C-alpha atoms as a PDB file:
ATOM      1  CA  MET A   1     310.064 121.058  85.491  1.00  0.00           C
ATOM      2  CA  ILE A   2     309.469 121.531  89.199  1.00  0.00           C
ATOM      3  CA  GLN A   3     312.032 123.581  91.067  1.00  0.00           C
ATOM      4  CA  LEU A   4     313.587 121.626  93.893  1.00  0.00           C
ATOM      5  CA  THR A   5     314.221 122.931  97.370  1.00  0.00           C
ATOM      6  CA  THR A   6     317.709 123.073  98.827  1.00  0.00           C
ATOM      7  CA  LYS A   7     316.860 120.082 100.989  1.00  0.00           C
ATOM      8  CA  GLU A   8     315.676 118.052  97.991  1.00  0.00           C
ATOM      9  CA  LEU A   9     318.840 118.937  96.066  1.00  0.00           C
ATOM     10  CA  SER A  10     320.894 117.849  99.051  1.00  0.00           C
ATOM     11  CA  PHE A  11     319.086 114.487  99.131  1.00  0.00           C
ATOM     12  CA  ILE A  12     319.853 113.967  95.441  1.00  0.00           C
ATOM     13  CA  GLU A  13     323.525 114.840  95.999  1.00  0.00           C
ATOM     14  CA  ASP A  14     323.644 112.345  98.882  1.00  0.00           C
ATOM     15  CA  GLU A  15     322.114 109.662  96.671  1.00  0.00           C
ATOM     16  CA  ILE A  16     324.660 110.371  93.941  1.00  0.00           C
ATOM     17  CA  ARG A  17     327.488 109.903  96.446  1.00  0.00           C
ATOM     18  CA  ALA A  18     325.921 106.663  97.721  1.00  0.00           C
ATOM     19  CA  GLU A  19     325.553 105.326  94.169  1.00  0.00           C
ATOM     20  CA  GLU A  20     329.182 106.261  93.401  1.00  0.00           C
ATOM     21  CA  ILE A  21     330.390 104.397  96.477  1.00  0.00           C
ATOM     22  CA  THR A  22     328.266 101.373  95.614  1.00  0.00           C
ATOM     23  CA  ALA A  23     329.520 101.345  92.007  1.00  0.00           C
ATOM     24  CA  LYS A  24     333.143 101.539  93.154  1.00  0.00           C
ATOM     25  CA  THR A  25     332.575  98.821  95.753  1.00  0.00           C
ATOM     26  CA  MET A  26     330.953  96.473  93.216  1.00  0.00           C
ATOM     27  CA  SER A  27     333.778  97.145  90.765  1.00  0.00           C
ATOM     28  CA  TRP A  28     336.398  96.412  93.425  1.00  0.00           C
ATOM     29  CA  CYS A  29     334.593  93.220  94.440  1.00  0.00           C
ATOM     30  CA  ALA A  30     334.522  92.130  90.791  1.00  0.00           C
ATOM     31  CA  SER A  31     338.251  92.749  90.498  1.00  0.00           C
ATOM     32  CA  GLN A  32     338.855  90.479  93.495  1.00  0.00           C
ATOM     33  CA  CYS A  33     336.574  87.711  92.286  1.00  0.00           C
ATOM     34  CA  LYS A  34     337.970  84.552  90.691  1.00  0.00           C
ATOM     35  CA  GLU A  35     334.662  82.966  89.583  1.00  0.00           C
ATOM     36  CA  ALA A  36     333.738  84.236  86.100  1.00  0.00           C
ATOM     37  CA  GLY A  37     329.947  84.219  86.522  1.00  0.00           C
ATOM     38  CA  LEU A  38     330.039  86.108  89.788  1.00  0.00           C
ATOM     39  CA  LYS A  39     332.641  88.516  88.404  1.00  0.00           C
ATOM     40  CA  GLU A  40     330.364  89.313  85.445  1.00  0.00           C
ATOM     41  CA  THR A  41     327.368  89.816  87.742  1.00  0.00           C
ATOM     42  CA  LEU A  42     329.351  92.206  89.920  1.00  0.00           C
ATOM     43  CA  HIS A  43     330.537  94.165  86.870  1.00  0.00           C
ATOM     44  CA  LYS A  44     326.920  94.461  85.696  1.00  0.00           C
ATOM     45  CA  MET A  45     325.864  95.674  89.140  1.00  0.00           C
ATOM     46  CA  ALA A  46     328.672  98.250  89.142  1.00  0.00           C
ATOM     47  CA  GLU A  47     327.627  99.451  85.691  1.00  0.00           C
ATOM     48  CA  SER A  48     324.006  99.722  86.808  1.00  0.00           C
ATOM     49  CA  HIS A  49     324.982 101.931  89.741  1.00  0.00           C
ATOM     50  CA  HIS A  50     327.264 103.996  87.515  1.00  0.00           C
ATOM     51  CA  LEU A  51     324.374 104.596  85.106  1.00  0.00           C
ATOM     52  CA  LYS A  52     322.230 105.697  88.055  1.00  0.00           C
ATOM     53  CA  VAL A  53     324.938 108.234  88.976  1.00  0.00           C
ATOM     54  CA  ILE A  54     324.777 109.625  85.440  1.00  0.00           C
ATOM     55  CA  GLU A  55     320.986 109.730  85.492  1.00  0.00           C
ATOM     56  CA  LEU A  56     320.834 111.485  88.860  1.00  0.00           C
ATOM     57  CA  SER A  57     323.611 113.904  87.904  1.00  0.00           C
ATOM     58  CA  ASN A  58     321.778 114.841  84.719  1.00  0.00           C
ATOM     59  CA  TYR A  59     318.572 115.387  86.684  1.00  0.00           C
ATOM     60  CA  LEU A  60     320.423 117.485  89.248  1.00  0.00           C
ATOM     61  CA  ASN A  61     322.081 119.572  86.532  1.00  0.00           C
ATOM     62  CA  ARG A  62     318.746 120.218  84.829  1.00  0.00           C
ATOM     63  CA  SER A  63     317.188 121.212  88.147  1.00  0.00           C
ATOM     64  CA  THR A  64     319.995 123.550  89.215  1.00  0.00           C
ATOM     65  CA  ASN A  65     320.098 125.221  85.802  1.00  0.00           C
ATOM     66  CA  LEU A  66     316.516 126.366  86.325  1.00  0.00           C
ATOM     67  CA  HIS A  67     317.353 128.471  89.371  1.00  0.00           C
END
């Protein structure tokens, strides 16, 4: 695996934070929604962003463990 620079690691950390915020926002929106179809769509979007957080975190952990 390629070793990442400090700047690249910082970009990944920023993206993780952005994905976390988006996941929480989508989840909150779903909790406020009354229409079942839209609520389900928002929950799926939140889950998708949450999975991206996990994926990026795993990548970041693998990268930082190499240093």
